[in-house]
Amino acid sequence: MFAGPLSDRIGRKPTIIISDILFTSGAAVMTGSWNIPVLMIGRLITGLGIGIASMVVPVYISEICPVELRG
């Protein structure tokens, strides 16, 4: 719900970088988890990164593709 407006406001590349940071931090939290609730928090953080990336990356790829190659 917020990936589209975020990418419109700050741009596609910074939004993709934010999703990468969420991926990395979620993986770090899951790696260092000592109980189930912390593991679930890590999965939530990673899921936010996946959700943002799955919304923004296809739009970014379509924008950087040359006009003659667009479908």
N, C-alpha and C. Protein backbone atom coordinates (compact mmCIF):
# COMPACT_ATOMS: atom_id res chain seq x y z
N MET A 1 0.82 -1.20 0.00
CA MET A 1 0.00 0.00 0.00
C MET A 1 0.86 1.26 0.00
N PHE A 2 2.07 1.17 0.50
CA PHE A 2 2.88 2.38 0.56
C PHE A 2 4.06 2.35 -0.40
N ALA A 3 4.28 1.25 -1.12
CA ALA A 3 5.43 1.17 -2.03
C ALA A 3 5.25 2.11 -3.23
N GLY A 4 4.04 2.15 -3.76
CA GLY A 4 3.79 3.03 -4.91
C GLY A 4 3.94 4.50 -4.58
N PRO A 5 3.25 5.00 -3.55
CA PRO A 5 3.42 6.41 -3.20
C PRO A 5 4.85 6.74 -2.77
N LEU A 6 5.51 5.80 -2.10
CA LEU A 6 6.90 6.04 -1.70
C LEU A 6 7.80 6.16 -2.92
N SER A 7 7.61 5.30 -3.91
CA SER A 7 8.44 5.39 -5.11
C SER A 7 8.13 6.63 -5.93
N ASP A 8 6.88 7.09 -5.89
CA ASP A 8 6.54 8.34 -6.59
C ASP A 8 7.16 9.54 -5.89
N ARG A 9 7.23 9.48 -4.57
CA ARG A 9 7.72 10.62 -3.81
C ARG A 9 9.25 10.72 -3.84
N ILE A 10 9.96 9.60 -3.59
CA ILE A 10 11.41 9.69 -3.48
C ILE A 10 12.15 9.09 -4.67
N GLY A 11 11.45 8.41 -5.56
CA GLY A 11 12.08 7.83 -6.74
C GLY A 11 12.17 6.32 -6.65
N ARG A 12 12.39 5.69 -7.80
CA ARG A 12 12.43 4.23 -7.86
C ARG A 12 13.70 3.67 -7.25
N LYS A 13 14.86 4.24 -7.62
CA LYS A 13 16.12 3.71 -7.10
C LYS A 13 16.23 3.79 -5.58
N PRO A 14 15.93 4.93 -4.96
CA PRO A 14 15.98 4.95 -3.50
C PRO A 14 15.00 3.98 -2.84
N THR A 15 13.85 3.77 -3.46
CA THR A 15 12.89 2.82 -2.91
C THR A 15 13.43 1.40 -3.00
N ILE A 16 14.09 1.07 -4.10
CA ILE A 16 14.71 -0.25 -4.24
C ILE A 16 15.83 -0.41 -3.22
N ILE A 17 16.58 0.64 -2.96
CA ILE A 17 17.64 0.58 -1.95
C ILE A 17 17.04 0.35 -0.56
N ILE A 18 15.91 1.00 -0.28
CA ILE A 18 15.23 0.78 1.00
C ILE A 18 14.79 -0.67 1.13
N SER A 19 14.26 -1.24 0.04
CA SER A 19 13.84 -2.64 0.10
C SER A 19 15.05 -3.56 0.30
N ASP A 20 16.20 -3.22 -0.30
CA ASP A 20 17.41 -4.00 -0.07
C ASP A 20 17.86 -3.94 1.39
N ILE A 21 17.75 -2.77 1.98
CA ILE A 21 18.11 -2.62 3.39
C ILE A 21 17.17 -3.45 4.26
N LEU A 22 15.88 -3.46 3.91
CA LEU A 22 14.93 -4.27 4.66
C LEU A 22 15.24 -5.77 4.51
N PHE A 23 15.60 -6.20 3.29
CA PHE A 23 16.01 -7.60 3.10
C PHE A 23 17.16 -7.96 4.03
N THR A 24 18.20 -7.13 3.99
CA THR A 24 19.42 -7.42 4.74
C THR A 24 19.17 -7.38 6.25
N SER A 25 18.45 -6.37 6.71
CA SER A 25 18.21 -6.28 8.15
C SER A 25 17.28 -7.41 8.62
N GLY A 26 16.30 -7.78 7.82
CA GLY A 26 15.43 -8.89 8.18
C GLY A 26 16.20 -10.20 8.25
N ALA A 27 17.12 -10.40 7.31
CA ALA A 27 17.93 -11.62 7.34
C ALA A 27 18.84 -11.63 8.57
N ALA A 28 19.37 -10.46 8.92
CA ALA A 28 20.23 -10.39 10.11
C ALA A 28 19.44 -10.68 11.38
N VAL A 29 18.22 -10.15 11.46
CA VAL A 29 17.38 -10.42 12.63
C VAL A 29 17.04 -11.90 12.71
N MET A 30 16.71 -12.51 11.57
CA MET A 30 16.39 -13.93 11.59
C MET A 30 17.61 -14.78 11.94
N THR A 31 18.77 -14.36 11.49
CA THR A 31 19.99 -15.11 11.80
C THR A 31 20.30 -15.06 13.29
N GLY A 32 20.10 -13.91 13.89
CA GLY A 32 20.42 -13.75 15.30
C GLY A 32 19.26 -13.98 16.24
N SER A 33 18.18 -14.55 15.73
CA SER A 33 17.00 -14.72 16.59
C SER A 33 17.25 -15.79 17.64
N TRP A 34 16.74 -15.54 18.81
CA TRP A 34 16.91 -16.46 19.92
C TRP A 34 15.59 -17.10 20.35
N ASN A 35 14.48 -16.62 19.78
CA ASN A 35 13.19 -17.25 20.06
C ASN A 35 12.24 -16.99 18.89
N ILE A 36 11.08 -17.58 18.96
CA ILE A 36 10.13 -17.52 17.85
C ILE A 36 9.61 -16.11 17.57
N PRO A 37 9.26 -15.29 18.57
CA PRO A 37 8.78 -13.93 18.25
C PRO A 37 9.82 -13.08 17.51
N VAL A 38 11.08 -13.22 17.86
CA VAL A 38 12.12 -12.45 17.15
C VAL A 38 12.25 -12.96 15.72
N LEU A 39 12.13 -14.26 15.52
CA LEU A 39 12.17 -14.82 14.18
C LEU A 39 11.01 -14.28 13.34
N MET A 40 9.83 -14.17 13.94
CA MET A 40 8.67 -13.64 13.23
C MET A 40 8.85 -12.16 12.88
N ILE A 41 9.49 -11.41 13.76
CA ILE A 41 9.78 -10.00 13.46
C ILE A 41 10.72 -9.91 12.26
N GLY A 42 11.73 -10.77 12.24
CA GLY A 42 12.65 -10.80 11.10
C GLY A 42 11.93 -11.17 9.81
N ARG A 43 11.00 -12.10 9.91
CA ARG A 43 10.23 -12.48 8.71
C ARG A 43 9.32 -11.34 8.25
N LEU A 44 8.78 -10.58 9.20
CA LEU A 44 7.96 -9.43 8.86
C LEU A 44 8.78 -8.36 8.13
N ILE A 45 9.96 -8.09 8.65
CA ILE A 45 10.84 -7.10 8.02
C ILE A 45 11.23 -7.55 6.61
N THR A 46 11.59 -8.82 6.46
CA THR A 46 11.95 -9.35 5.15
C THR A 46 10.75 -9.33 4.21
N GLY A 47 9.58 -9.62 4.71
CA GLY A 47 8.37 -9.58 3.89
C GLY A 47 8.06 -8.19 3.39
N LEU A 48 8.31 -7.18 4.22
CA LEU A 48 8.12 -5.80 3.75
C LEU A 48 9.08 -5.49 2.60
N GLY A 49 10.32 -5.95 2.72
CA GLY A 49 11.29 -5.74 1.64
C GLY A 49 10.86 -6.44 0.36
N ILE A 50 10.35 -7.64 0.48
CA ILE A 50 9.88 -8.39 -0.69
C ILE A 50 8.69 -7.68 -1.32
N GLY A 51 7.77 -7.21 -0.49
CA GLY A 51 6.59 -6.53 -1.01
C GLY A 51 6.94 -5.25 -1.76
N ILE A 52 7.84 -4.48 -1.19
CA ILE A 52 8.26 -3.24 -1.85
C ILE A 52 8.97 -3.55 -3.16
N ALA A 53 9.89 -4.51 -3.13
CA ALA A 53 10.64 -4.84 -4.34
C ALA A 53 9.73 -5.38 -5.43
N SER A 54 8.76 -6.20 -5.07
CA SER A 54 7.89 -6.77 -6.10
C SER A 54 6.96 -5.74 -6.72
N MET A 55 6.76 -4.62 -6.04
CA MET A 55 5.95 -3.54 -6.62
C MET A 55 6.79 -2.60 -7.48
N VAL A 56 8.01 -2.31 -7.05
CA VAL A 56 8.77 -1.22 -7.65
C VAL A 56 9.71 -1.70 -8.76
N VAL A 57 10.31 -2.87 -8.61
CA VAL A 57 11.32 -3.32 -9.58
C VAL A 57 10.74 -3.51 -10.98
N PRO A 58 9.56 -4.12 -11.18
CA PRO A 58 9.04 -4.21 -12.55
C PRO A 58 8.79 -2.85 -13.20
N VAL A 59 8.34 -1.89 -12.41
CA VAL A 59 8.12 -0.54 -12.95
C VAL A 59 9.45 0.09 -13.33
N TYR A 60 10.45 -0.09 -12.49
CA TYR A 60 11.78 0.47 -12.78
C TYR A 60 12.37 -0.16 -14.03
N ILE A 61 12.24 -1.47 -14.16
CA ILE A 61 12.78 -2.15 -15.34
C ILE A 61 12.08 -1.66 -16.60
N SER A 62 10.76 -1.47 -16.54
CA SER A 62 10.04 -0.99 -17.72
C SER A 62 10.40 0.45 -18.06
N GLU A 63 10.79 1.23 -17.07
CA GLU A 63 11.17 2.62 -17.34
C GLU A 63 12.57 2.73 -17.94
N ILE A 64 13.47 1.83 -17.57
CA ILE A 64 14.84 1.96 -18.09
C ILE A 64 15.03 1.22 -19.41
N CYS A 65 14.04 0.42 -19.82
CA CYS A 65 14.12 -0.31 -21.08
C CYS A 65 14.01 0.66 -22.24
N PRO A 66 14.84 0.48 -23.27
CA PRO A 66 14.73 1.38 -24.45
C PRO A 66 13.34 1.28 -25.09
N VAL A 67 12.92 2.38 -25.70
CA VAL A 67 11.57 2.47 -26.26
C VAL A 67 11.34 1.41 -27.32
N GLU A 68 12.34 1.13 -28.15
CA GLU A 68 12.14 0.17 -29.24
C GLU A 68 12.05 -1.28 -28.75
N LEU A 69 12.41 -1.54 -27.51
CA LEU A 69 12.33 -2.90 -26.97
C LEU A 69 11.12 -3.11 -26.07
N ARG A 70 10.37 -2.06 -25.81
CA ARG A 70 9.20 -2.20 -24.93
C ARG A 70 8.11 -2.97 -25.63
N GLY A 71 7.40 -3.81 -24.86
CA GLY A 71 6.35 -4.66 -25.44
C GLY A 71 5.04 -4.01 -25.39
